[in-house]
Amino acid sequence: MPGPAETVFRFAAEGVDLEFAGSEDFVEKQLVRFRPFLQGAVGLVPEAPPVPVEHEAPKESLDAFYAARPLREGRGAIQDRILLFIYYLQKVQGKREVAGDDIQWCFQQLNITQPKNLHNALGILKRKIGYLQEGSKRGLYSLSPEGESYVEGRFRAR
């Protein structure tokens, strides 16, 4: 007589291979337990507990955020835009760490010419200027305390 059907969940991302097998109930419990880890492995910020609707303020759109902050043109403008986008993604959107793709998305959303070499610009902002710090994985960044201070002082909303 065959036993109950086995449920299998497999996950693989950047050097992480995970598999749960067993009853559906067992696999479901493991997914709940490992959810924050799995979300982090694919670049999502783990979900925060829900906030009651009456306390939740609407998030500012990228267009409105960008339009409210005057930017210089010429030398340093690309670096300022990158820092402003990282600030927006972290402070407004709640991302803990930001990838190059996230920054490129901001440039695309606003229809702004992207830097020729984004990763080089990120490296300069991190190593030479000190406004970025390395994230938990290669290719992820967050503003350093100095970078956050710079953005808040340089880009006051109108």
Protein backbone atom coordinates (compact mmCIF):
# COMPACT_ATOMS: atom_id res chain seq x y z
CA MET A 1 0.00 0.00 0.00
CA PRO A 2 1.60 3.32 -1.07
CA GLY A 3 2.18 5.98 1.62
CA PRO A 4 1.11 9.62 1.48
CA ALA A 5 2.53 11.68 -1.38
CA GLU A 6 5.76 13.47 -0.56
CA THR A 7 6.01 17.24 -1.11
CA VAL A 8 9.37 18.53 -2.33
CA PHE A 9 10.62 22.13 -2.41
CA ARG A 10 13.93 22.95 -4.10
CA PHE A 11 15.73 26.32 -4.14
CA ALA A 12 19.06 27.30 -5.68
CA ALA A 13 20.61 30.78 -5.88
CA GLU A 14 24.23 31.98 -5.87
CA GLY A 15 25.82 29.03 -4.10
CA VAL A 16 22.81 28.18 -1.94
CA ASP A 17 21.05 24.87 -2.57
CA LEU A 18 18.13 24.09 -0.31
CA GLU A 19 15.66 21.21 -0.44
CA PHE A 20 12.80 20.25 1.86
CA ALA A 21 11.00 16.95 1.42
CA GLY A 22 8.25 15.41 3.49
CA SER A 23 4.61 15.93 4.21
CA GLU A 24 3.00 19.05 2.83
CA ASP A 25 2.59 20.33 6.39
CA PHE A 26 6.31 19.82 7.13
CA VAL A 27 7.42 21.60 3.96
CA GLU A 28 5.02 24.49 4.61
CA LYS A 29 6.45 24.96 8.14
CA GLN A 30 10.00 25.01 6.75
CA LEU A 31 9.07 27.61 4.13
CA VAL A 32 7.61 29.86 6.81
CA ARG A 33 10.74 29.42 8.95
CA PHE A 34 13.18 30.09 6.08
CA ARG A 35 11.16 32.79 4.29
CA PRO A 36 13.36 35.77 5.39
CA PHE A 37 16.47 33.86 4.27
CA LEU A 38 14.93 32.91 0.92
CA GLN A 39 13.77 36.48 0.29
CA GLY A 40 17.24 37.80 1.10
CA ALA A 41 18.84 35.23 -1.22
CA VAL A 42 16.85 36.59 -4.18
CA GLY A 43 17.44 40.25 -3.23
CA LEU A 44 14.11 41.05 -1.59
CA VAL A 45 13.90 42.83 1.72
CA PRO A 46 12.21 40.44 4.17
CA GLU A 47 8.64 41.48 4.79
CA ALA A 48 8.07 43.56 7.90
CA PRO A 49 5.06 42.80 10.02
CA PRO A 50 1.99 44.56 8.60
CA VAL A 51 1.39 48.09 9.86
CA PRO A 52 -2.21 49.04 10.59
CA VAL A 53 -3.58 50.99 7.62
CA GLU A 54 -4.34 54.13 9.65
CA HIS A 55 -0.59 54.49 10.46
CA GLU A 56 0.77 53.74 7.01
CA ALA A 57 1.81 56.80 5.02
CA PRO A 58 1.82 56.51 1.23
CA LYS A 59 5.31 56.18 -0.23
CA GLU A 60 6.61 59.09 -2.26
CA SER A 61 7.03 58.25 -5.95
CA LEU A 62 10.48 58.37 -7.52
CA ASP A 63 9.29 61.16 -9.85
CA ALA A 64 8.09 63.33 -6.97
CA PHE A 65 11.17 62.59 -4.84
CA TYR A 66 13.54 63.46 -7.68
CA ALA A 67 11.62 66.57 -8.78
CA ALA A 68 11.69 67.99 -5.23
CA ARG A 69 15.49 67.91 -5.02
CA PRO A 70 17.61 70.24 -7.15
CA LEU A 71 20.57 68.58 -8.85
CA ARG A 72 23.66 70.15 -10.28
CA GLU A 73 24.76 69.54 -13.84
CA GLY A 74 28.25 68.79 -15.06
CA ARG A 75 31.05 67.37 -12.93
CA GLY A 76 29.72 65.16 -10.13
CA ALA A 77 26.13 65.11 -11.38
CA ILE A 78 26.13 61.35 -12.10
CA GLN A 79 27.52 60.56 -8.64
CA ASP A 80 24.92 62.82 -7.03
CA ARG A 81 22.12 61.08 -8.94
CA ILE A 82 23.42 57.65 -7.92
CA LEU A 83 23.58 58.69 -4.26
CA LEU A 84 20.12 60.25 -4.44
CA PHE A 85 18.68 57.08 -5.99
CA ILE A 86 20.28 54.87 -3.34
CA TYR A 87 18.92 57.18 -0.63
CA TYR A 88 15.43 56.98 -2.19
CA LEU A 89 15.55 53.19 -2.46
CA GLN A 90 16.72 52.79 1.13
CA LYS A 91 14.79 55.51 2.97
CA VAL A 92 11.57 55.72 0.95
CA GLN A 93 11.23 52.23 -0.50
CA GLY A 94 12.74 50.43 2.50
CA LYS A 95 15.43 48.44 0.69
CA ARG A 96 18.21 47.49 3.09
CA GLU A 97 20.78 47.16 0.29
CA VAL A 98 20.79 48.28 -3.32
CA ALA A 99 22.12 46.55 -6.44
CA GLY A 100 23.26 48.12 -9.70
CA ASP A 101 20.03 46.94 -11.34
CA ASP A 102 18.01 48.95 -8.78
CA ILE A 103 19.95 52.09 -9.66
CA GLN A 104 19.59 51.47 -13.39
CA TRP A 105 15.84 51.08 -12.84
CA CYS A 106 15.76 54.61 -11.35
CA PHE A 107 17.59 56.06 -14.36
CA GLN A 108 15.17 54.25 -16.69
CA GLN A 109 12.05 55.32 -14.77
CA LEU A 110 13.07 58.97 -15.01
CA ASN A 111 14.32 58.62 -18.59
CA ILE A 112 17.77 59.93 -17.62
CA THR A 113 20.93 58.91 -19.46
CA GLN A 114 22.64 56.17 -17.47
CA PRO A 115 26.32 56.32 -16.54
CA LYS A 116 28.63 54.65 -19.06
CA ASN A 117 30.14 52.49 -16.31
CA LEU A 118 27.88 52.32 -13.27
CA HIS A 119 30.07 49.82 -11.42
CA ASN A 120 33.10 52.09 -11.78
CA ALA A 121 31.08 55.03 -10.39
CA LEU A 122 29.91 52.85 -7.47
CA GLY A 123 33.51 51.81 -6.79
CA ILE A 124 34.65 55.44 -6.68
CA LEU A 125 31.80 56.37 -4.34
CA LYS A 126 32.75 53.46 -2.08
CA ARG A 127 36.56 53.43 -2.11
CA LYS A 128 37.65 56.98 -2.90
CA ILE A 129 34.86 59.13 -1.51
CA GLY A 130 33.53 56.83 1.23
CA TYR A 131 29.82 57.54 0.68
CA LEU A 132 28.93 53.87 0.10
CA GLN A 133 29.61 50.72 2.04
CA GLU A 134 29.70 47.14 0.85
CA GLY A 135 26.51 45.16 1.34
CA SER A 136 26.06 41.63 2.63
CA LYS A 137 26.87 40.19 -0.82
CA ARG A 138 29.08 41.29 -3.67
CA GLY A 139 27.36 43.90 -5.82
CA LEU A 140 25.11 45.20 -3.04
CA TYR A 141 25.62 48.62 -1.50
CA SER A 142 24.19 50.91 1.13
CA LEU A 143 24.92 54.50 2.03
CA SER A 144 27.63 54.98 4.65
CA PRO A 145 26.83 57.39 7.49
CA GLU A 146 28.91 60.00 5.62
CA GLY A 147 26.97 59.34 2.40
CA GLU A 148 23.65 59.65 4.17
CA SER A 149 24.77 62.92 5.75
CA TYR A 150 25.92 64.24 2.38
CA VAL A 151 22.63 63.43 0.66
CA GLU A 152 20.52 64.89 3.47
CA GLY A 153 22.56 68.10 3.47
CA ARG A 154 22.96 68.48 -0.29
CA PHE A 155 19.43 67.57 -1.40
CA ARG A 156 16.94 69.24 0.85
CA ALA A 157 13.44 68.90 -0.56
CA ARG A 158 11.93 72.13 -1.90
